[in-house]
Structures are given as structure tokens and as C-alpha cells.
C-alpha atoms as a PDB file:
ATOM      1  CA  MET A   1       0.000   0.000   0.000  1.00  0.00           C
ATOM      2  CA  MET A   2       1.016   3.619  -0.504  1.00  0.00           C
ATOM      3  CA  GLY A   3       2.451   5.325   2.579  1.00  0.00           C
ATOM      4  CA  GLU A   4       0.018   7.760   4.176  1.00  0.00           C
ATOM      5  CA  GLY A   5       2.226  10.795   3.571  1.00  0.00           C
ATOM      6  CA  MET A   6       2.898   9.832  -0.037  1.00  0.00           C
ATOM      7  CA  ALA A   7      -0.794   9.199  -0.677  1.00  0.00           C
ATOM      8  CA  GLU A   8      -1.768  12.568   0.766  1.00  0.00           C
ATOM      9  CA  LYS A   9       0.868  14.322  -1.360  1.00  0.00           C
ATOM     10  CA  LEU A  10      -0.344  12.666  -4.559  1.00  0.00           C
ATOM     11  CA  GLN A  11      -3.979  13.400  -3.717  1.00  0.00           C
ATOM     12  CA  SER A  12      -3.049  17.009  -2.988  1.00  0.00           C
ATOM     13  CA  ASP A  13      -1.189  17.330  -6.290  1.00  0.00           C
ATOM     14  CA  PHE A  14      -4.176  15.890  -8.139  1.00  0.00           C
ATOM     15  CA  ARG A  15      -6.587  18.316  -6.486  1.00  0.00           C
ATOM     16  CA  GLN A  16      -4.294  21.270  -7.166  1.00  0.00           C
ATOM     17  CA  LYS A  17      -4.060  20.431 -10.849  1.00  0.00           C
ATOM     18  CA  LEU A  18      -7.843  20.127 -11.061  1.00  0.00           C
ATOM     19  CA  GLU A  19      -8.256  23.472  -9.313  1.00  0.00           C
ATOM     20  CA  SER A  20      -5.865  25.057 -11.804  1.00  0.00           C
ATOM     21  CA  ALA A  21      -7.680  23.572 -14.818  1.00  0.00           C
ATOM     22  CA  PRO A  22     -10.454  21.054 -14.100  1.00  0.00           C
ATOM     23  CA  PHE A  23      -9.945  18.992 -17.229  1.00  0.00           C
ATOM     24  CA  ILE A  24      -8.463  15.575 -17.881  1.00  0.00           C
ATOM     25  CA  ALA A  25      -7.363  15.132 -21.478  1.00  0.00           C
ATOM     26  CA  ILE A  26      -8.204  11.588 -22.590  1.00  0.00           C
ATOM     27  CA  LEU A  27      -5.933  10.617 -25.478  1.00  0.00           C
ATOM     28  CA  ARG A  28      -7.467   7.403 -26.765  1.00  0.00           C
ATOM     29  CA  GLY A  29      -5.495   6.053 -29.701  1.00  0.00           C
ATOM     30  CA  VAL A  30      -2.537   8.438 -29.368  1.00  0.00           C
ATOM     31  CA  ARG A  31       0.875   7.145 -30.466  1.00  0.00           C
ATOM     32  CA  HIS A  32       4.103   7.583 -28.558  1.00  0.00           C
ATOM     33  CA  GLY A  33       5.727   9.475 -31.430  1.00  0.00           C
ATOM     34  CA  GLU A  34       3.169  12.291 -31.235  1.00  0.00           C
ATOM     35  CA  VAL A  35       2.224  12.360 -27.576  1.00  0.00           C
ATOM     36  CA  VAL A  36       4.835  14.833 -26.327  1.00  0.00           C
ATOM     37  CA  GLU A  37       3.871  17.502 -28.859  1.00  0.00           C
ATOM     38  CA  ILE A  38       0.189  17.032 -28.013  1.00  0.00           C
ATOM     39  CA  ALA A  39       0.911  17.130 -24.284  1.00  0.00           C
ATOM     40  CA  GLU A  40       2.872  20.356 -24.684  1.00  0.00           C
ATOM     41  CA  ALA A  41      -0.069  21.887 -26.550  1.00  0.00           C
ATOM     42  CA  LEU A  42      -2.376  20.918 -23.678  1.00  0.00           C
ATOM     43  CA  VAL A  43      -0.012  22.291 -21.060  1.00  0.00           C
ATOM     44  CA  SER A  44       0.048  25.627 -22.888  1.00  0.00           C
ATOM     45  CA  THR A  45      -3.720  25.903 -22.230  1.00  0.00           C
ATOM     46  CA  GLY A  46      -3.296  25.018 -18.557  1.00  0.00           C
ATOM     47  CA  ILE A  47      -4.416  21.389 -18.836  1.00  0.00           C
ATOM     48  CA  SER A  48      -1.840  19.192 -17.122  1.00  0.00           C
ATOM     49  CA  ILE A  49      -3.656  15.913 -16.386  1.00  0.00           C
ATOM     50  CA  ILE A  50      -3.202  13.608 -19.356  1.00  0.00           C
ATOM     51  CA  GLU A  51      -4.786  10.178 -19.669  1.00  0.00           C
ATOM     52  CA  ILE A  52      -3.520   7.493 -22.023  1.00  0.00           C
ATOM     53  CA  THR A  53      -6.061   4.726 -22.468  1.00  0.00           C
ATOM     54  CA  VAL A  54      -4.674   1.212 -22.341  1.00  0.00           C
ATOM     55  CA  ASP A  55      -6.420   0.315 -25.591  1.00  0.00           C
ATOM     56  CA  SER A  56      -4.168   2.779 -27.446  1.00  0.00           C
ATOM     57  CA  PRO A  57      -1.240   1.517 -29.554  1.00  0.00           C
ATOM     58  CA  ASP A  58       1.685   0.606 -27.245  1.00  0.00           C
ATOM     59  CA  PRO A  59       0.097   2.461 -24.319  1.00  0.00           C
ATOM     60  CA  TYR A  60       2.793   1.719 -21.767  1.00  0.00           C
ATOM     61  CA  ILE A  61       5.526   2.960 -24.103  1.00  0.00           C
ATOM     62  CA  THR A  62       3.490   6.142 -24.561  1.00  0.00           C
ATOM     63  CA  MET A  63       3.201   6.586 -20.791  1.00  0.00           C
ATOM     64  CA  GLU A  64       6.926   5.988 -20.398  1.00  0.00           C
ATOM     65  CA  THR A  65       7.625   8.556 -23.116  1.00  0.00           C
ATOM     66  CA  LEU A  66       5.653  11.179 -21.226  1.00  0.00           C
ATOM     67  CA  ALA A  67       7.333  10.206 -17.967  1.00  0.00           C
ATOM     68  CA  LEU A  68      10.777  10.635 -19.512  1.00  0.00           C
ATOM     69  CA  ARG A  69      10.093  13.813 -21.467  1.00  0.00           C
ATOM     70  CA  ILE A  70       7.507  15.921 -19.672  1.00  0.00           C
ATOM     71  CA  SER A  71       6.665  14.403 -16.275  1.00  0.00           C
ATOM     72  CA  GLU A  72       7.461  17.611 -14.377  1.00  0.00           C
ATOM     73  CA  GLN A  73       4.700  19.444 -16.255  1.00  0.00           C
ATOM     74  CA  VAL A  74       1.958  16.833 -16.367  1.00  0.00           C
ATOM     75  CA  MET A  75       0.309  14.186 -14.242  1.00  0.00           C
ATOM     76  CA  ILE A  76       0.309  10.991 -16.303  1.00  0.00           C
ATOM     77  CA  CYS A  77      -2.775   8.809 -16.036  1.00  0.00           C
ATOM     78  CA  ALA A  78      -3.979   5.523 -17.464  1.00  0.00           C
ATOM     79  CA  GLY A  79      -7.513   5.097 -18.767  1.00  0.00           C
ATOM     80  CA  ASN A  80      -9.940   2.307 -19.591  1.00  0.00           C
ATOM     81  CA  VAL A  81      -8.166   0.069 -17.059  1.00  0.00           C
ATOM     82  CA  LEU A  82     -10.234  -3.064 -16.570  1.00  0.00           C
ATOM     83  CA  THR A  83      -7.875  -5.458 -14.779  1.00  0.00           C
ATOM     84  CA  ALA A  84      -5.419  -5.418 -11.917  1.00  0.00           C
ATOM     85  CA  GLU A  85      -2.656  -6.443 -14.339  1.00  0.00           C
ATOM     86  CA  GLN A  86      -3.305  -3.399 -16.505  1.00  0.00           C
ATOM     87  CA  ALA A  87      -3.234  -1.169 -13.429  1.00  0.00           C
ATOM     88  CA  ILE A  88       0.132  -2.588 -12.400  1.00  0.00           C
ATOM     89  CA  ASP A  89       1.601  -2.201 -15.890  1.00  0.00           C
ATOM     90  CA  ALA A  90       0.337   1.380 -16.126  1.00  0.00           C
ATOM     91  CA  ALA A  91       1.768   2.335 -12.747  1.00  0.00           C
ATOM     92  CA  ASN A  92       5.091   0.762 -13.684  1.00  0.00           C
ATOM     93  CA  ALA A  93       5.054   2.907 -16.840  1.00  0.00           C
ATOM     94  CA  GLY A  94       4.672   6.102 -14.833  1.00  0.00           C
ATOM     95  CA  SER A  95       0.921   6.602 -14.433  1.00  0.00           C
ATOM     96  CA  ARG A  96      -0.048   8.254 -11.181  1.00  0.00           C
ATOM     97  CA  VAL A  97      -3.824   7.938 -11.563  1.00  0.00           C
ATOM     98  CA  ILE A  98      -5.621   4.826 -12.770  1.00  0.00           C
ATOM     99  CA  PHE A  99      -8.987   5.516 -14.399  1.00  0.00           C
ATOM    100  CA  SER A 100     -11.525   2.758 -15.041  1.00  0.00           C
ATOM    101  CA  PRO A 101     -14.914   2.871 -16.760  1.00  0.00           C
ATOM    102  CA  ASN A 102     -16.322   0.593 -14.059  1.00  0.00           C
ATOM    103  CA  PHE A 103     -15.933  -0.353 -10.408  1.00  0.00           C
ATOM    104  CA  ASN A 104     -13.576  -3.259  -9.790  1.00  0.00           C
ATOM    105  CA  ALA A 105     -12.177  -3.643  -6.269  1.00  0.00           C
ATOM    106  CA  SER A 106      -9.133  -5.563  -7.515  1.00  0.00           C
ATOM    107  CA  VAL A 107      -8.154  -2.659  -9.791  1.00  0.00           C
ATOM    108  CA  ILE A 108      -8.431  -0.213  -6.905  1.00  0.00           C
ATOM    109  CA  GLU A 109      -6.315  -2.455  -4.679  1.00  0.00           C
ATOM    110  CA  ALA A 110      -3.652  -2.969  -7.355  1.00  0.00           C
ATOM    111  CA  SER A 111      -3.488   0.765  -8.049  1.00  0.00           C
ATOM    112  CA  LYS A 112      -3.021   1.635  -4.387  1.00  0.00           C
ATOM    113  CA  ASN A 113      -0.416  -1.084  -3.949  1.00  0.00           C
ATOM    114  CA  LYS A 114       1.533   0.498  -6.805  1.00  0.00           C
ATOM    115  CA  LYS A 115       1.343   3.951  -5.192  1.00  0.00           C
ATOM    116  CA  ALA A 116      -1.150   5.318  -7.707  1.00  0.00           C
ATOM    117  CA  LEU A 117      -4.550   6.920  -7.197  1.00  0.00           C
ATOM    118  CA  SER A 118      -7.656   5.060  -8.304  1.00  0.00           C
ATOM    119  CA  ALA A 119     -10.653   6.653 -10.010  1.00  0.00           C
ATOM    120  CA  PRO A 120     -13.215   4.011 -10.986  1.00  0.00           C
ATOM    121  CA  GLY A 121     -16.271   4.648 -13.108  1.00  0.00           C
ATOM    122  CA  ILE A 122     -19.600   4.665 -11.294  1.00  0.00           C
ATOM    123  CA  PHE A 123     -23.211   5.296 -12.259  1.00  0.00           C
ATOM    124  CA  THR A 124     -25.266   4.304  -9.203  1.00  0.00           C
ATOM    125  CA  VAL A 125     -25.198   5.061  -5.486  1.00  0.00           C
ATOM    126  CA  THR A 126     -24.420   1.404  -4.813  1.00  0.00           C
ATOM    127  CA  GLU A 127     -21.366   1.509  -7.081  1.00  0.00           C
ATOM    128  CA  ALA A 128     -20.225   4.830  -5.630  1.00  0.00           C
ATOM    129  CA  VAL A 129     -20.433   3.676  -2.014  1.00  0.00           C
ATOM    130  CA  ALA A 130     -18.696   0.390  -2.834  1.00  0.00           C
ATOM    131  CA  ALA A 131     -15.908   2.239  -4.650  1.00  0.00           C
ATOM    132  CA  ILE A 132     -15.310   4.647  -1.765  1.00  0.00           C
ATOM    133  CA  ASP A 133     -15.334   1.767   0.714  1.00  0.00           C
ATOM    134  CA  ALA A 134     -12.764  -0.048  -1.444  1.00  0.00           C
ATOM    135  CA  GLY A 135     -10.415   2.949  -1.298  1.00  0.00           C
ATOM    136  CA  ALA A 136     -11.195   4.955  -4.452  1.00  0.00           C
ATOM    137  CA  ASP A 137      -9.611   8.413  -4.486  1.00  0.00           C
ATOM    138  CA  ALA A 138     -12.089   9.899  -6.967  1.00  0.00           C
ATOM    139  CA  LEU A 139     -15.226   8.841  -8.812  1.00  0.00           C
ATOM    140  CA  ARG A 140     -15.558   9.008 -12.569  1.00  0.00           C
ATOM    141  CA  ILE A 141     -19.254   9.533 -13.378  1.00  0.00           C
ATOM    142  CA  PHE A 142     -19.574   7.570 -16.587  1.00  0.00           C
ATOM    143  CA  PRO A 143     -21.231   7.937 -18.967  1.00  0.00           C
ATOM    144  CA  ALA A 144     -22.012  11.500 -17.917  1.00  0.00           C
ATOM    145  CA  ASP A 145     -24.265  12.175 -20.886  1.00  0.00           C
ATOM    146  CA  ASN A 146     -26.682   9.608 -19.445  1.00  0.00           C
ATOM    147  CA  PHE A 147     -26.417  11.055 -15.925  1.00  0.00           C
ATOM    148  CA  SER A 148     -27.647  14.471 -14.740  1.00  0.00           C
ATOM    149  CA  THR A 149     -26.618  17.336 -12.504  1.00  0.00           C
ATOM    150  CA  ASN A 150     -29.622  16.545 -10.302  1.00  0.00           C
ATOM    151  CA  GLY A 151     -28.251  13.030  -9.957  1.00  0.00           C
ATOM    152  CA  LEU A 152     -24.926  14.434  -8.785  1.00  0.00           C
ATOM    153  CA  HIS A 153     -26.707  16.618  -6.223  1.00  0.00           C
ATOM    154  CA  ALA A 154     -28.389  13.487  -4.867  1.00  0.00           C
ATOM    155  CA  LEU A 155     -25.165  11.490  -4.877  1.00  0.00           C
ATOM    156  CA  ARG A 156     -23.417  14.134  -2.810  1.00  0.00           C
ATOM    157  CA  THR A 157     -25.958  13.794  -0.005  1.00  0.00           C
ATOM    158  CA  VAL A 158     -24.844  10.240   0.772  1.00  0.00           C
ATOM    159  CA  LEU A 159     -21.093  10.304   0.115  1.00  0.00           C
ATOM    160  CA  PRO A 160     -18.192  11.928   2.016  1.00  0.00           C
ATOM    161  CA  GLU A 161     -18.070  15.690   1.643  1.00  0.00           C
ATOM    162  CA  ASP A 162     -14.581  15.707   0.118  1.00  0.00           C
ATOM    163  CA  THR A 163     -15.363  13.180  -2.638  1.00  0.00           C
ATOM    164  CA  ILE A 164     -13.940  14.134  -6.041  1.00  0.00           C
ATOM    165  CA  TYR A 165     -16.513  13.771  -8.831  1.00  0.00           C
ATOM    166  CA  LEU A 166     -15.317  13.631 -12.424  1.00  0.00           C
ATOM    167  CA  PRO A 167     -18.087  13.530 -15.058  1.00  0.00           C
ATOM    168  CA  THR A 168     -16.834  11.931 -18.257  1.00  0.00           C
ATOM    169  CA  GLY A 169     -18.440  11.102 -21.573  1.00  0.00           C
ATOM    170  CA  GLY A 170     -20.357  13.322 -23.978  1.00  0.00           C
ATOM    171  CA  LEU A 171     -19.375  16.590 -22.303  1.00  0.00           C
ATOM    172  CA  THR A 172     -19.468  19.853 -24.199  1.00  0.00           C
ATOM    173  CA  ALA A 173     -18.092  23.210 -23.097  1.00  0.00           C
ATOM    174  CA  HIS A 174     -21.491  24.760 -22.399  1.00  0.00           C
ATOM    175  CA  LYS A 175     -22.258  22.026 -19.825  1.00  0.00           C
ATOM    176  CA  VAL A 176     -19.174  22.655 -17.693  1.00  0.00           C
ATOM    177  CA  LYS A 177     -20.572  25.418 -15.498  1.00  0.00           C
ATOM    178  CA  SER A 178     -23.780  23.569 -14.638  1.00  0.00           C
ATOM    179  CA  TRP A 179     -21.823  20.461 -13.664  1.00  0.00           C
ATOM    180  CA  MET A 180     -19.466  22.520 -11.485  1.00  0.00           C
ATOM    181  CA  ALA A 181     -22.433  24.163  -9.779  1.00  0.00           C
ATOM    182  CA  ALA A 182     -23.725  20.671  -9.003  1.00  0.00           C
ATOM    183  CA  GLY A 183     -20.420  19.690  -7.361  1.00  0.00           C
ATOM    184  CA  ALA A 184     -18.193  18.335 -10.128  1.00  0.00           C
ATOM    185  CA  VAL A 185     -14.493  18.891  -9.454  1.00  0.00           C
ATOM    186  CA  GLY A 186     -13.151  17.977 -12.880  1.00  0.00           C
ATOM    187  CA  PHE A 187     -14.082  16.580 -16.268  1.00  0.00           C
ATOM    188  CA  GLY A 188     -12.797  13.861 -18.548  1.00  0.00           C
ATOM    189  CA  LEU A 189     -12.559  15.191 -22.110  1.00  0.00           C
ATOM    190  CA  GLY A 190     -12.236  12.561 -24.801  1.00  0.00           C
ATOM    191  CA  THR A 191     -13.356  12.934 -28.406  1.00  0.00           C
ATOM    192  CA  SER A 192     -14.206  16.582 -27.792  1.00  0.00           C
ATOM    193  CA  ILE A 193     -10.477  17.349 -27.862  1.00  0.00           C
ATOM    194  CA  TYR A 194      -8.745  14.310 -29.371  1.00  0.00           C
ATOM    195  CA  THR A 195      -9.374  11.492 -31.796  1.00  0.00           C
ATOM    196  CA  PRO A 196      -6.672   9.509 -33.605  1.00  0.00           C
ATOM    197  CA  GLY A 197      -5.100  11.690 -36.254  1.00  0.00           C
ATOM    198  CA  THR A 198      -5.830  14.995 -34.509  1.00  0.00           C
ATOM    199  CA  THR A 199      -2.813  17.301 -34.732  1.00  0.00           C
ATOM    200  CA  ALA A 200      -1.302  19.152 -31.793  1.00  0.00           C
ATOM    201  CA  ASP A 201      -2.581  22.456 -33.211  1.00  0.00           C
ATOM    202  CA  GLU A 202      -6.101  21.044 -33.447  1.00  0.00           C
ATOM    203  CA  VAL A 203      -5.887  19.747 -29.880  1.00  0.00           C
ATOM    204  CA  LEU A 204      -4.753  23.199 -28.783  1.00  0.00           C
ATOM    205  CA  ASP A 205      -7.749  24.881 -30.411  1.00  0.00           C
ATOM    206  CA  ARG A 206     -10.224  22.340 -29.013  1.00  0.00           C
ATOM    207  CA  ALA A 207      -8.789  22.540 -25.492  1.00  0.00           C
ATOM    208  CA  LYS A 208      -9.021  26.326 -25.523  1.00  0.00           C
ATOM    209  CA  VAL A 209     -12.784  26.098 -26.052  1.00  0.00           C
ATOM    210  CA  PHE A 210     -13.037  24.510 -22.601  1.00  0.00           C
ATOM    211  CA  THR A 211     -10.404  26.505 -20.713  1.00  0.00           C
ATOM    212  CA  GLN A 212     -11.706  29.823 -22.043  1.00  0.00           C
ATOM    213  CA  ILE A 213     -15.174  29.081 -20.656  1.00  0.00           C
ATOM    214  CA  LEU A 214     -13.714  29.317 -17.149  1.00  0.00           C
ATOM    215  CA  ALA A 215     -11.265  32.095 -18.016  1.00  0.00           C
ATOM    216  CA  ARG A 216     -14.200  34.388 -18.865  1.00  0.00           C
ATOM    217  CA  ASP A 217     -15.566  33.881 -15.353  1.00  0.00           C
ATOM    218  CA  ASP A 218     -12.192  34.743 -13.814  1.00  0.00           C
ATOM    219  CA  ALA A 219     -11.718  37.892 -15.872  1.00  0.00           C
END
């Protein structure tokens, strides 16, 4: 298991990055030869949490590439993790947060044993409570386009006050503020900013659509 001090530091770093820019860039299908340029484009917009899904080509090489080239600027994450073995491989490749589309206690345990945070996907109160009880550090509400902000309000009444909620799936920029008002802490952005073949310049432009929504509020 992760030492208490180390776990708190990683959780604090994760929260700070979400507070700075509450977006997780999901790069499904990205290749290791292009990932650094894309990551640098994201960082220039303020987005520093980058998720490589394990169904991408050579995902662990891609994670290792980020870890070697740009780890001081980004928090590397693994996505679509379905098994404990995938969680272990991702953590060994440098991922600090393990995202899953579902709740699987063995994935949470493996992630924590490898000193990584675990953020399983949940859709019901039963799944959410079970995930928290199993040690989840955050909850990925997935698929968010089939959920609702009223549902998040209700979820918050039965879970710990400091729970991190991360709606993911089908999100558009105009929905961000309503989700944040309901209690969302961050958002997983997938095809809205990246699909295989998207250039770094295109990723930059798409990411700015989201970050500028919040920048207008801060102005």
C-alpha cells in the first residue's frame, strides 16, 4: 500500500491540478511518437492531467515517453483500465492515476499497492459507495451524458463531503458550469479534444474552447 504521507501528497497534487484547470485530457489512440507535442499543446492551455487509455497503440511505451520527457509538467494517467494487471503495468510505466470505466475492487487495490490513485467509473449510489469503501480516491461519473446534474446533487448527499466527482463522456463546453455548480471537481474530455489523427494544433484549439469558458468567469 502507498504510505500515508505519499498518498496525501499525490492526492493534494491531483486536487491542485484540477483546481488550476479542471480537465483531464483523454488521449485514446494516441501514439508515442506524437504524444509529447500534443501534451505540450495541452499544457500551454493550462491542462496538465493527461490520460492514455490502455487500448491505445503501445500504451505503456506512450506513458513511459511522457514520464521521460515531460513528467514535471503533467500528471500521467492511465484510462480504460479493466484489470489489476493493466493497473500494475500502467503504474510501472509512470501513471499516477488509474482511471476505469467501471468499479472493480481488484483494480483499486492494485493501483493503491503500486502507489497510484484510483478513479473508478460509477453510475449508481451502490457503485459509488462500494468504490469509496474499497479505497477509491475519486469517482468518474460515466457515462455522464446519461447522468444528470440533479443526480450528482443526490449522490453528494450520501457520500463523504470531500469526494472528487469527475463527469466523463459526452461533455461539451457549455455544460461545464452547470456540472461545477452541481459539485463536479473535474471533467474527462475525450473525443471533444482528441481522436486519432488529430494534430497538436487542433488539440490546442479544441482545449481552448473549454479553458476559455472558465477564463471568462475569472476575468
